[in-house]
Amino acid sequence: MTKERLYLFDTTLRDGAQTSGIDFSVDEKIAITDLLERLGVDYIEGGYPGANPTDTKFFSEKRTKKATFTAFGMTKRAGRSVSNDPGVQMVLQSAADATCYVAKSWDYHVDVALKCTNEENLESIADTVKASVEAGKEAMIDCEHFFDGYKANPDYALACAQTAFEAGARWVVLCDTNGGTLPHEVTEIVNAVMQVVPGSNLGIHAHDDTGHAVANTLAAVVAGVRQVQGTLNGIGERCGNANIITLIPNMLLKKPYRDLVELGIKVEDLTELTAISRSFDEILNRSSNVHAPYVGANAFATKAGIHASAILKNPDTYEHIPPEMVGNQRRVLVSDQAGKSNLLNELKRLGVEADKADPRLDRLLAEVKELEAQGFAYEAADASFELLARRRLHSVPDYFDVLSFRTGVERRYNALGERVTVSEAVVKVEVDGENFMSVAEGNGPVNALDLSLRKDLGKYQSLIADLELIDYKVRILNGGTSAITRVLIESQNRKTGKRWFTVGVSENIVDASFQALVDSVRYCIFKANELETA
């Protein structure tokens, strides 16, 4: 049986951005795009150029290397031409490779929301698709409320899908916008749509309001659709969208999907799944769902007792797949079996040479476990992890020693009589036996420490000239007055565009921040030296 190609369309940066409490910055969108490229999705929908300054800036240049960079918009308004519709034009003029325009496919919404005739709506769909094709962009139509629209007026819903396809749309996506459709209904309705649009041109976009977003997506795949849409960790408005982190292993590992379709992602790529999922949560500055399928900390956890006893004899007794396949690990209360294979895979990804028989790997693994028990999160802080691993397995210097640091915050009146709050930091370092002391003022103690640390590092100063801190996140790991604080810092080299994350943990937020800052500077120096000696 020949497998058909199934395409993965991620809408985290657009539909996922509608999640309550989530508001992506441009830098966060860039970081998430990198994660999605690492995951291997086919399409990345980055947002709605023209709708807000963030999305407009994000689409000012192409942000993907492999995935099809996709812009979202609305079909043209009735009563005007495509060339005279600013919303359509902003999408067409963006740096996107493809366009995904949302169209009403429920006649009730055409009347109430668009206030136009059914025929005018069909004309808008056709004209918008044709304009996208003429602009040299791959055209898609998201048929909003399609399943509800089909139940209310099947002929009109089908007409919307058929119109888009005949106008040249590469994909016609069936959206369960309200999330109320069930799997058996999806199967029935997709079969009906395939009478007017081939399955190879159909997509599915499911919301999770009944808890069936993943099930509905899988049902659509069996019925014939060949594009699936979802978001990282299932984020999205109300109850969320289909979780692409769950969908991918289901389709690669489970029958009938693994025999039916072929993805651009291979089974061996799944070892990065858990790390990507948790890295995304760190970008959102939220705790990961420990009960998430495949990637949750408890996804392969078993308490002591009859289940644990059986697992220790043969893991197949209570595991549907080996956790290492998805980069996760088995957790048994009486015997924590964290995997060396996970460690080796991460070292390989980072380009750190390691022999699986090297006894130092066991010591590194034990150290990582101990540090993570203290609150460090290396899934999201790859630069801190790489430095730690290289120190233990190779010979990476610290480059400089921090002798001391001090920071303070003062509220005072300036020369104009305005009340201002000023932070000042003093950092003393030693480089090759020579001491350097720097003082700097900043917008808060962390900014002051960052500026002071990077002010004078002797012979290494030129190597950090293009280093800048671009994001800073704080997580309180437990309650009380002596709470443990984790700080995650994102930095970049302005010249090369390379980004990295570092982490610090302490009861003192300033100390945790400084740990992450020092790691970032040392990583920057290490990479600069690496380039010079390459």
Protein backbone atom coordinates (compact mmCIF):
# COMPACT_ATOMS: atom_id res chain seq x y z
CA MET A 1 0.00 0.00 0.00
CA THR A 2 1.44 3.35 -1.08
CA LYS A 3 1.40 5.98 1.63
CA GLU A 4 0.02 9.42 0.85
CA ARG A 5 1.80 12.57 2.00
CA LEU A 6 0.24 14.30 5.01
CA TYR A 7 1.19 17.93 5.64
CA LEU A 8 1.51 19.48 9.10
CA PHE A 9 0.28 23.05 9.45
CA ASP A 10 1.11 24.81 12.72
CA THR A 11 -0.98 27.80 13.79
CA THR A 12 0.54 28.40 17.23
CA LEU A 13 1.64 31.92 16.33
CA ARG A 14 -1.78 32.93 15.03
CA ASP A 15 -4.66 30.87 16.43
CA GLY A 16 -2.64 29.87 19.49
CA ALA A 17 -2.00 33.54 20.19
CA GLN A 18 -5.71 33.88 20.98
CA THR A 19 -5.16 31.91 24.19
CA SER A 20 -6.15 33.86 27.27
CA GLY A 21 -3.04 35.28 28.94
CA ILE A 22 -0.71 34.76 25.96
CA ASP A 23 0.66 37.67 23.97
CA PHE A 24 3.69 36.93 21.81
CA SER A 25 6.39 39.50 21.13
CA VAL A 26 8.28 39.49 17.82
CA ASP A 27 11.31 37.95 19.53
CA GLU A 28 9.15 35.22 21.05
CA LYS A 29 7.63 34.49 17.65
CA ILE A 30 11.11 34.13 16.19
CA ALA A 31 12.13 31.75 18.99
CA ILE A 32 8.95 29.67 18.55
CA THR A 33 9.49 29.56 14.79
CA ASP A 34 12.92 28.05 15.46
CA LEU A 35 11.28 25.38 17.65
CA LEU A 36 8.74 24.59 14.94
CA GLU A 37 11.47 24.29 12.32
CA ARG A 38 13.28 21.93 14.67
CA LEU A 39 10.07 19.93 15.03
CA GLY A 40 9.78 19.68 11.24
CA VAL A 41 6.31 21.01 10.43
CA ASP A 42 5.51 21.83 6.81
CA TYR A 43 3.70 25.15 7.31
CA ILE A 44 4.13 27.84 9.95
CA GLU A 45 1.30 30.34 10.14
CA GLY A 46 2.90 33.39 11.69
CA GLY A 47 -0.05 35.70 12.24
CA TYR A 48 -2.10 38.38 10.50
CA PRO A 49 0.04 41.12 8.88
CA GLY A 50 -1.71 44.46 9.16
CA ALA A 51 -3.83 43.44 12.13
CA ASN A 52 -1.30 44.65 14.73
CA PRO A 53 2.25 46.07 14.81
CA THR A 54 3.76 42.79 16.08
CA ASP A 55 2.48 40.68 13.20
CA THR A 56 3.24 43.36 10.64
CA LYS A 57 6.87 43.52 11.83
CA PHE A 58 7.12 39.73 11.99
CA PHE A 59 6.08 39.49 8.33
CA SER A 60 8.46 42.22 7.21
CA GLU A 61 10.95 39.49 6.29
CA LYS A 62 10.91 35.74 5.73
CA ARG A 63 11.26 33.94 9.07
CA THR A 64 11.52 30.29 8.05
CA LYS A 65 14.32 28.26 6.51
CA LYS A 66 12.45 25.07 5.57
CA ALA A 67 8.77 25.43 6.43
CA THR A 68 6.34 27.32 4.20
CA PHE A 69 5.94 30.75 5.82
CA THR A 70 2.22 31.46 5.89
CA ALA A 71 0.26 34.66 6.49
CA PHE A 72 -3.34 34.75 7.70
CA GLY A 73 -6.01 37.18 6.54
CA MET A 74 -9.67 37.58 5.63
CA THR A 75 -11.23 37.28 2.20
CA LYS A 76 -12.05 40.57 0.57
CA ARG A 77 -15.07 42.47 1.73
CA ALA A 78 -18.16 42.46 -0.44
CA GLY A 79 -18.66 45.51 -2.60
CA ARG A 80 -15.00 46.27 -3.20
CA SER A 81 -12.24 44.85 -5.33
CA VAL A 82 -9.26 42.87 -4.09
CA SER A 83 -6.93 45.73 -5.02
CA ASN A 84 -9.04 48.09 -2.92
CA ASP A 85 -9.10 45.90 0.20
CA PRO A 86 -6.24 46.89 2.57
CA GLY A 87 -6.52 43.69 4.61
CA VAL A 88 -6.05 41.45 1.59
CA GLN A 89 -3.23 43.57 0.23
CA MET A 90 -1.25 43.55 3.49
CA VAL A 91 -1.17 39.76 3.34
CA LEU A 92 -0.26 39.68 -0.35
CA GLN A 93 2.55 42.21 0.15
CA SER A 94 4.04 40.42 3.14
CA ALA A 95 7.14 38.20 3.04
CA ALA A 96 4.97 35.08 3.31
CA ASP A 97 5.28 32.15 0.90
CA ALA A 98 1.62 31.22 1.31
CA THR A 99 -1.64 32.85 2.30
CA CYS A 100 -4.42 31.41 4.43
CA TYR A 101 -7.59 33.46 4.14
CA VAL A 102 -10.54 32.80 6.42
CA ALA A 103 -13.91 32.62 4.71
CA LYS A 104 -17.41 32.29 6.09
CA SER A 105 -18.96 28.97 5.13
CA TRP A 106 -22.07 29.10 7.33
CA ASP A 107 -24.84 31.09 5.69
CA TYR A 108 -25.95 32.33 9.12
CA HIS A 109 -22.59 34.08 9.58
CA VAL A 110 -22.66 35.43 6.03
CA ASP A 111 -25.92 37.19 6.87
CA VAL A 112 -25.18 38.29 10.45
CA ALA A 113 -21.41 38.95 10.41
CA LEU A 114 -20.69 39.93 6.80
CA LYS A 115 -24.12 41.39 6.04
CA CYS A 116 -23.88 40.40 2.40
CA THR A 117 -25.55 37.85 0.16
CA ASN A 118 -24.44 34.24 -0.14
CA GLU A 119 -23.45 34.89 -3.74
CA GLU A 120 -21.32 37.91 -2.79
CA ASN A 121 -19.49 35.77 -0.23
CA LEU A 122 -18.70 33.16 -2.88
CA GLU A 123 -17.42 35.90 -5.16
CA SER A 124 -15.15 37.18 -2.36
CA ILE A 125 -13.72 33.69 -1.85
CA ALA A 126 -12.99 33.21 -5.55
CA ASP A 127 -11.48 36.67 -6.08
CA THR A 128 -9.24 36.41 -3.02
CA VAL A 129 -7.89 33.01 -4.01
CA LYS A 130 -7.19 34.17 -7.56
CA ALA A 131 -5.36 37.26 -6.27
CA SER A 132 -3.14 35.10 -4.07
CA VAL A 133 -2.30 32.77 -6.94
CA GLU A 134 -1.54 35.73 -9.21
CA ALA A 135 0.77 37.14 -6.52
CA GLY A 136 2.78 33.92 -6.68
CA LYS A 137 1.74 32.68 -3.26
CA GLU A 138 0.32 29.30 -2.33
CA ALA A 139 -3.36 29.90 -1.61
CA MET A 140 -5.42 28.41 1.22
CA ILE A 141 -8.93 29.02 2.42
CA ASP A 142 -9.98 28.34 6.02
CA CYS A 143 -13.69 27.57 5.83
CA GLU A 144 -14.73 28.99 9.18
CA HIS A 145 -17.58 27.22 11.06
CA PHE A 146 -17.64 24.66 8.26
CA PHE A 147 -19.08 21.76 10.22
CA ASP A 148 -21.82 23.86 11.83
CA GLY A 149 -22.47 25.45 8.46
CA TYR A 150 -22.75 22.05 6.80
CA LYS A 151 -25.27 20.88 9.40
CA ALA A 152 -27.37 24.01 8.82
CA ASN A 153 -27.08 24.25 5.04
CA PRO A 154 -24.96 21.52 3.44
CA ASP A 155 -25.36 22.82 -0.10
CA TYR A 156 -23.98 26.25 0.74
CA ALA A 157 -21.08 24.95 2.84
CA LEU A 158 -20.08 22.66 0.00
CA ALA A 159 -20.40 25.54 -2.46
CA CYS A 160 -17.90 27.58 -0.40
CA ALA A 161 -15.37 24.73 -0.40
CA GLN A 162 -15.86 24.00 -4.10
CA THR A 163 -15.57 27.68 -5.05
CA ALA A 164 -12.24 28.00 -3.27
CA PHE A 165 -10.87 24.85 -4.89
CA GLU A 166 -11.98 25.76 -8.39
CA ALA A 167 -10.50 29.26 -8.00
CA GLY A 168 -7.09 27.66 -7.43
CA ALA A 169 -6.75 27.09 -3.69
CA ARG A 170 -4.06 24.52 -2.90
CA TRP A 171 -5.81 23.75 0.38
CA VAL A 172 -9.41 24.04 1.48
CA VAL A 173 -9.42 23.71 5.26
CA LEU A 174 -12.54 22.54 7.10
CA CYS A 175 -12.73 24.35 10.45
CA ASP A 176 -14.60 23.16 13.52
CA THR A 177 -14.47 26.69 14.87
CA ASN A 178 -16.85 26.19 17.78
CA GLY A 179 -15.32 22.82 18.62
CA GLY A 180 -18.64 21.06 19.02
CA THR A 181 -18.34 18.39 16.32
CA LEU A 182 -17.77 14.72 17.19
CA PRO A 183 -15.56 12.19 15.34
CA HIS A 184 -18.38 10.29 13.63
CA GLU A 185 -19.75 13.59 12.29
CA VAL A 186 -16.31 14.58 10.99
CA THR A 187 -16.05 11.31 9.06
CA GLU A 188 -19.49 11.73 7.54
CA ILE A 189 -19.01 15.37 6.54
CA VAL A 190 -15.48 14.92 5.14
CA ASN A 191 -16.78 12.10 2.95
CA ALA A 192 -19.43 14.48 1.60
CA VAL A 193 -16.90 17.25 0.91
CA MET A 194 -14.67 14.85 -0.98
CA GLN A 195 -17.38 14.61 -3.62
CA VAL A 196 -16.52 18.18 -4.67
CA VAL A 197 -12.92 18.67 -3.41
CA PRO A 198 -10.23 15.93 -3.51
CA GLY A 199 -8.88 14.78 -0.17
CA SER A 200 -5.38 15.72 -1.33
CA ASN A 201 -6.56 19.34 -1.22
CA LEU A 202 -8.44 19.18 2.07
CA GLY A 203 -7.31 20.17 5.55
CA ILE A 204 -8.81 19.96 9.04
CA HIS A 205 -8.72 22.60 11.79
CA ALA A 206 -10.23 21.34 15.05
CA HIS A 207 -10.90 23.04 18.37
CA ASP A 208 -11.08 21.11 21.63
CA ASP A 209 -14.33 22.28 23.22
CA THR A 210 -15.60 18.71 23.58
CA GLY A 211 -12.15 17.24 24.20
CA HIS A 212 -12.14 15.69 20.71
CA ALA A 213 -9.79 17.96 18.73
CA VAL A 214 -7.12 15.27 18.29
CA ALA A 215 -9.71 12.53 17.73
CA ASN A 216 -11.55 14.67 15.16
CA THR A 217 -8.30 15.37 13.34
CA LEU A 218 -7.40 11.68 13.21
CA ALA A 219 -10.91 10.84 11.99
CA ALA A 220 -10.50 13.39 9.19
CA VAL A 221 -7.18 11.83 8.17
CA VAL A 222 -8.74 8.38 7.88
CA ALA A 223 -11.59 9.92 5.88
CA GLY A 224 -9.13 11.44 3.42
CA VAL A 225 -7.87 14.92 4.37
CA ARG A 226 -4.16 15.44 3.83
CA GLN A 227 -3.39 18.57 5.81
CA VAL A 228 -3.83 18.78 9.58
CA GLN A 229 -3.69 21.99 11.59
CA GLY A 230 -2.78 22.30 15.25
CA THR A 231 -0.79 24.17 17.86
CA LEU A 232 2.10 23.40 20.17
CA ASN A 233 0.78 21.83 23.37
CA GLY A 234 -2.77 22.46 22.14
CA ILE A 235 -2.95 26.16 23.05
CA GLY A 236 -5.77 28.23 21.59
CA GLU A 237 -8.81 30.22 22.58
CA ARG A 238 -11.37 28.71 24.97
CA CYS A 239 -10.35 25.03 25.34
CA GLY A 240 -7.56 25.14 22.78
CA ASN A 241 -6.77 23.59 19.40
CA ALA A 242 -5.71 20.14 18.29
CA ASN A 243 -2.38 19.44 19.97
CA ILE A 244 0.22 18.94 17.25
CA ILE A 245 2.61 17.44 19.83
CA THR A 246 0.07 14.64 20.37
CA LEU A 247 -0.93 14.31 16.72
CA ILE A 248 2.57 13.73 15.38
CA PRO A 249 3.47 10.58 17.36
CA ASN A 250 -0.05 9.21 16.91
CA MET A 251 0.31 9.41 13.15
CA LEU A 252 3.88 8.10 13.07
CA LEU A 253 3.49 5.25 15.55
CA LYS A 254 -0.14 4.12 15.57
CA LYS A 255 -2.20 2.15 13.08
CA PRO A 256 -3.90 2.86 10.74
CA TYR A 257 -2.22 6.25 10.39
CA ARG A 258 1.36 5.00 10.16
CA ASP A 259 0.36 2.71 7.28
CA LEU A 260 -1.86 5.29 5.62
CA VAL A 261 0.17 8.52 5.48
CA GLU A 262 3.74 9.71 5.34
CA LEU A 263 4.94 12.84 7.17
CA GLY A 264 7.92 15.09 6.60
CA ILE A 265 8.97 13.99 10.10
CA LYS A 266 10.58 10.59 10.65
CA VAL A 267 10.14 8.28 13.63
CA GLU A 268 13.71 8.93 14.72
CA ASP A 269 12.94 12.66 14.88
CA LEU A 270 10.48 12.04 17.71
CA THR A 271 13.29 11.93 20.25
CA GLU A 272 13.17 15.74 20.30
CA LEU A 273 9.42 15.92 20.94
CA THR A 274 9.51 16.20 24.74
CA ALA A 275 12.29 18.79 24.76
CA ILE A 276 10.46 20.93 22.18
CA SER A 277 7.19 20.77 24.10
CA ARG A 278 8.83 21.79 27.36
CA SER A 279 10.95 24.49 25.72
CA PHE A 280 7.76 26.04 24.37
CA ASP A 281 6.26 26.10 27.86
CA GLU A 282 9.37 27.85 29.14
CA ILE A 283 8.98 30.52 26.45
CA LEU A 284 5.40 30.97 27.67
CA ASN A 285 6.77 31.08 31.25
CA ARG A 286 4.34 28.46 32.44
CA SER A 287 4.54 25.01 33.97
CA SER A 288 4.32 22.05 31.60
CA ASN A 289 1.31 19.74 31.83
CA VAL A 290 2.73 16.74 33.67
CA HIS A 291 -0.13 14.59 32.37
CA ALA A 292 0.27 15.51 28.69
CA PRO A 293 0.27 12.46 26.38
CA TYR A 294 3.72 11.33 25.24
CA VAL A 295 5.67 14.33 26.65
CA GLY A 296 4.32 14.92 30.16
CA ALA A 297 6.52 14.16 33.16
CA ASN A 298 3.93 11.60 34.26
CA ALA A 299 3.23 10.19 30.80
CA PHE A 300 5.37 7.16 31.65
CA ALA A 301 5.24 7.35 35.45
CA THR A 302 4.10 4.44 37.62
CA LYS A 303 3.69 4.32 41.39
CA ALA A 304 5.13 1.48 43.44
CA GLY A 305 2.97 -1.62 43.55
CA ILE A 306 1.84 -4.26 41.10
CA HIS A 307 2.22 -1.98 38.06
CA ALA A 308 5.71 -0.91 39.05
CA SER A 309 6.71 -4.49 39.71
CA ALA A 310 5.56 -5.52 36.24
CA ILE A 311 7.29 -2.58 34.54
CA LEU A 312 10.59 -3.39 36.20
CA LYS A 313 10.32 -6.91 34.77
CA ASN A 314 9.17 -5.82 31.32
CA PRO A 315 8.22 -2.19 30.45
CA ASP A 316 5.85 -3.39 27.71
CA THR A 317 3.39 -4.49 30.40
CA TYR A 318 2.25 -0.94 31.14
CA GLU A 319 3.74 1.24 28.39
CA HIS A 320 2.21 1.68 24.94
CA ILE A 321 5.58 2.82 23.52
CA PRO A 322 9.12 3.08 24.92
CA PRO A 323 9.35 6.62 26.38
CA GLU A 324 12.76 7.13 24.78
CA MET A 325 11.07 7.19 21.36
CA VAL A 326 9.60 10.61 22.16
CA GLY A 327 12.50 11.88 24.24
CA ASN A 328 10.73 11.21 27.53
CA GLN A 329 11.76 8.89 30.34
CA ARG A 330 10.28 6.21 32.53
CA ARG A 331 9.59 7.13 36.12
CA VAL A 332 9.10 4.37 38.67
CA LEU A 333 8.95 5.36 42.30
CA VAL A 334 11.14 2.50 43.45
CA SER A 335 13.64 2.83 40.58
CA ASP A 336 13.99 6.03 38.58
CA GLN A 337 15.32 4.89 35.21
CA ALA A 338 16.31 8.14 33.53
CA GLY A 339 17.79 7.42 30.13
CA LYS A 340 21.36 7.87 29.00
CA SER A 341 20.00 7.69 25.46
CA ASN A 342 18.15 10.99 26.01
CA LEU A 343 21.40 12.56 27.13
CA LEU A 344 23.33 11.20 24.16
CA ASN A 345 20.67 12.46 21.76
CA GLU A 346 20.82 15.97 23.20
CA LEU A 347 24.62 15.98 23.10
CA LYS A 348 24.51 14.92 19.46
CA ARG A 349 22.07 17.71 18.63
CA LEU A 350 24.37 20.26 20.24
CA GLY A 351 27.45 18.87 18.50
CA VAL A 352 29.11 17.65 21.69
CA GLU A 353 31.17 14.52 21.06
CA ALA A 354 30.50 11.70 23.54
CA ASP A 355 31.19 7.97 23.75
CA LYS A 356 28.28 6.07 25.27
CA ALA A 357 30.80 3.93 27.17
CA ASP A 358 32.45 6.96 28.78
CA PRO A 359 31.88 6.73 32.58
CA ARG A 360 31.78 10.53 32.73
CA LEU A 361 28.37 10.36 31.03
CA ASP A 362 26.89 8.65 34.07
CA ARG A 363 28.30 11.34 36.32
CA LEU A 364 26.97 14.06 34.01
CA LEU A 365 23.55 12.45 33.97
CA ALA A 366 23.50 12.25 37.77
CA GLU A 367 24.55 15.88 38.01
CA VAL A 368 21.86 17.02 35.57
CA LYS A 369 19.23 15.13 37.57
CA GLU A 370 20.41 16.72 40.80
CA LEU A 371 20.41 20.20 39.29
CA GLU A 372 16.95 19.72 37.77
CA ALA A 373 15.70 18.58 41.18
CA GLN A 374 16.92 21.95 42.47
CA GLY A 375 14.89 23.74 39.77
CA PHE A 376 17.15 24.02 36.73
CA ALA A 377 15.37 23.39 33.41
CA TYR A 378 17.86 22.36 30.76
CA GLU A 379 15.23 21.48 28.12
CA ALA A 380 14.78 25.22 27.63
CA ALA A 381 18.32 26.37 28.46
CA ASP A 382 20.39 24.62 25.82
CA ALA A 383 23.36 26.98 26.17
CA SER A 384 23.68 26.36 29.91
CA PHE A 385 23.39 22.64 29.31
CA GLU A 386 26.02 22.68 26.55
CA LEU A 387 28.47 24.54 28.77
CA LEU A 388 27.88 22.08 31.61
CA ALA A 389 28.31 19.06 29.32
CA ARG A 390 31.47 20.39 27.67
CA ARG A 391 33.02 21.15 31.07
CA ARG A 392 32.38 17.60 32.24
CA LEU A 393 33.32 15.80 29.02
CA HIS A 394 35.95 18.07 27.50
CA SER A 395 37.97 21.08 28.61
CA VAL A 396 36.05 24.33 28.31
CA PRO A 397 37.47 27.18 30.41
CA ASP A 398 35.36 29.63 32.39
CA TYR A 399 37.35 32.46 30.67
CA PHE A 400 36.82 34.74 33.69
CA ASP A 401 36.13 34.39 37.40
CA VAL A 402 33.55 36.58 39.13
CA LEU A 403 35.16 37.84 42.33
CA SER A 404 32.10 39.73 43.54
CA PHE A 405 29.08 41.69 42.46
CA ARG A 406 26.87 44.27 44.13
CA THR A 407 23.69 45.97 43.03
CA GLY A 408 21.36 48.54 44.54
CA VAL A 409 18.19 50.43 43.74
CA GLU A 410 17.77 54.08 44.67
CA ARG A 411 14.76 56.36 44.32
CA ARG A 412 15.70 60.03 44.16
CA TYR A 413 14.97 63.35 42.50
CA ASN A 414 16.98 64.31 39.43
CA ALA A 415 18.21 67.78 38.43
CA LEU A 416 14.80 68.58 36.96
CA GLY A 417 13.04 67.76 40.19
CA GLU A 418 11.55 64.55 38.75
CA ARG A 419 11.36 61.47 40.91
CA VAL A 420 13.37 58.65 39.32
CA THR A 421 14.40 55.14 40.31
CA VAL A 422 17.98 54.24 39.44
CA SER A 423 19.71 50.85 39.64
CA GLU A 424 23.47 50.58 39.89
CA ALA A 425 25.71 47.51 39.77
CA VAL A 426 29.38 46.85 40.46
CA VAL A 427 31.02 43.68 39.13
CA LYS A 428 34.58 42.54 39.82
CA VAL A 429 36.10 39.86 37.58
CA GLU A 430 39.49 38.26 37.10
CA VAL A 431 40.85 37.47 33.63
CA ASP A 432 44.20 35.69 33.42
CA GLY A 433 45.26 37.00 36.83
CA GLU A 434 44.24 40.59 36.07
CA ASN A 435 41.35 42.16 37.97
CA PHE A 436 38.68 44.33 36.36
CA MET A 437 35.98 46.30 38.12
CA SER A 438 33.07 47.85 36.23
CA VAL A 439 30.16 50.03 37.30
CA ALA A 440 26.96 50.60 35.35
CA GLU A 441 23.46 52.02 35.77
CA GLY A 442 20.47 50.28 34.25
CA ASN A 443 16.73 49.96 34.11
CA GLY A 444 16.54 47.69 37.13
CA PRO A 445 19.19 45.62 38.92
CA VAL A 446 19.38 42.87 36.31
CA ASN A 447 19.93 45.31 33.46
CA ALA A 448 22.57 47.11 35.53
CA LEU A 449 24.35 43.82 36.28
CA ASP A 450 24.23 42.84 32.60
CA LEU A 451 25.75 46.14 31.48
CA SER A 452 28.38 46.09 34.21
CA LEU A 453 29.44 42.49 33.56
CA ARG A 454 29.90 43.15 29.85
CA LYS A 455 31.61 46.50 30.26
CA ASP A 456 35.19 45.22 30.50
CA LEU A 457 36.30 41.60 30.20
CA GLY A 458 39.81 42.35 29.10
CA LYS A 459 40.99 40.31 26.12
CA TYR A 460 37.51 38.83 25.65
CA GLN A 461 35.75 42.17 25.28
CA SER A 462 35.78 42.15 21.47
CA LEU A 463 34.16 38.70 21.45
CA ILE A 464 31.05 39.94 23.24
CA ALA A 465 30.64 43.22 21.37
CA ASP A 466 27.53 41.99 19.57
CA LEU A 467 25.96 40.21 22.55
CA GLU A 468 22.59 41.48 23.76
CA LEU A 469 19.97 40.25 26.19
CA ILE A 470 16.59 40.08 24.46
CA ASP A 471 14.28 38.32 26.92
CA TYR A 472 14.08 37.65 30.65
CA LYS A 473 11.61 35.39 32.42
CA VAL A 474 11.15 34.58 36.09
CA ARG A 475 9.39 31.54 37.53
CA ILE A 476 8.66 31.04 41.22
CA LEU A 477 9.09 27.31 41.82
CA ASN A 478 7.60 27.11 45.30
CA GLY A 479 5.78 29.34 47.74
CA GLY A 480 6.75 31.10 50.93
CA THR A 481 9.18 33.88 51.78
CA SER A 482 12.19 31.75 50.80
CA ALA A 483 10.81 30.73 47.41
CA ILE A 484 13.17 29.15 44.88
CA THR A 485 13.34 31.31 41.76
CA ARG A 486 14.27 30.19 38.26
CA VAL A 487 15.40 32.78 35.75
CA LEU A 488 15.54 32.06 32.02
CA ILE A 489 17.42 34.52 29.81
CA GLU A 490 17.42 34.65 26.03
CA SER A 491 20.41 36.29 24.38
CA GLN A 492 21.56 36.79 20.83
CA ASN A 493 24.53 37.75 18.76
CA ARG A 494 23.41 40.79 16.75
CA LYS A 495 25.94 40.08 14.03
CA THR A 496 25.15 36.41 13.40
CA GLY A 497 21.53 36.36 14.61
CA LYS A 498 22.22 33.24 16.71
CA ARG A 499 20.05 32.99 19.85
CA TRP A 500 20.52 30.96 22.99
CA PHE A 501 18.94 30.40 26.40
CA THR A 502 20.62 30.22 29.80
CA VAL A 503 19.21 29.46 33.24
CA GLY A 504 19.90 30.31 36.87
CA VAL A 505 18.25 29.09 40.07
CA SER A 506 18.47 30.55 43.58
CA GLU A 507 16.42 31.70 46.54
CA ASN A 508 17.62 35.18 45.55
CA ILE A 509 16.23 36.45 42.27
CA VAL A 510 19.27 38.67 41.62
CA ASP A 511 21.63 35.76 42.18
CA ALA A 512 19.60 33.51 39.86
CA SER A 513 19.63 36.26 37.23
CA PHE A 514 23.38 36.74 37.53
CA GLN A 515 24.00 32.99 37.12
CA ALA A 516 22.09 33.07 33.81
CA LEU A 517 23.89 36.25 32.70
CA VAL A 518 27.34 34.77 33.38
CA ASP A 519 26.44 31.59 31.47
CA SER A 520 25.26 33.69 28.53
CA VAL A 521 28.51 35.68 28.37
CA ARG A 522 30.67 32.55 28.68
CA TYR A 523 28.66 30.81 25.97
CA CYS A 524 29.11 33.80 23.67
CA ILE A 525 32.88 33.74 24.21
CA PHE A 526 33.02 29.98 23.69
CA LYS A 527 31.15 30.15 20.39
CA ALA A 528 33.28 33.06 19.18
CA ASN A 529 36.46 31.11 19.97
CA GLU A 530 34.97 28.06 18.27
CA LEU A 531 34.44 30.05 15.08
CA GLU A 532 37.96 31.47 15.17
CA THR A 533 39.52 28.01 15.48
CA ALA A 534 37.20 26.30 12.99
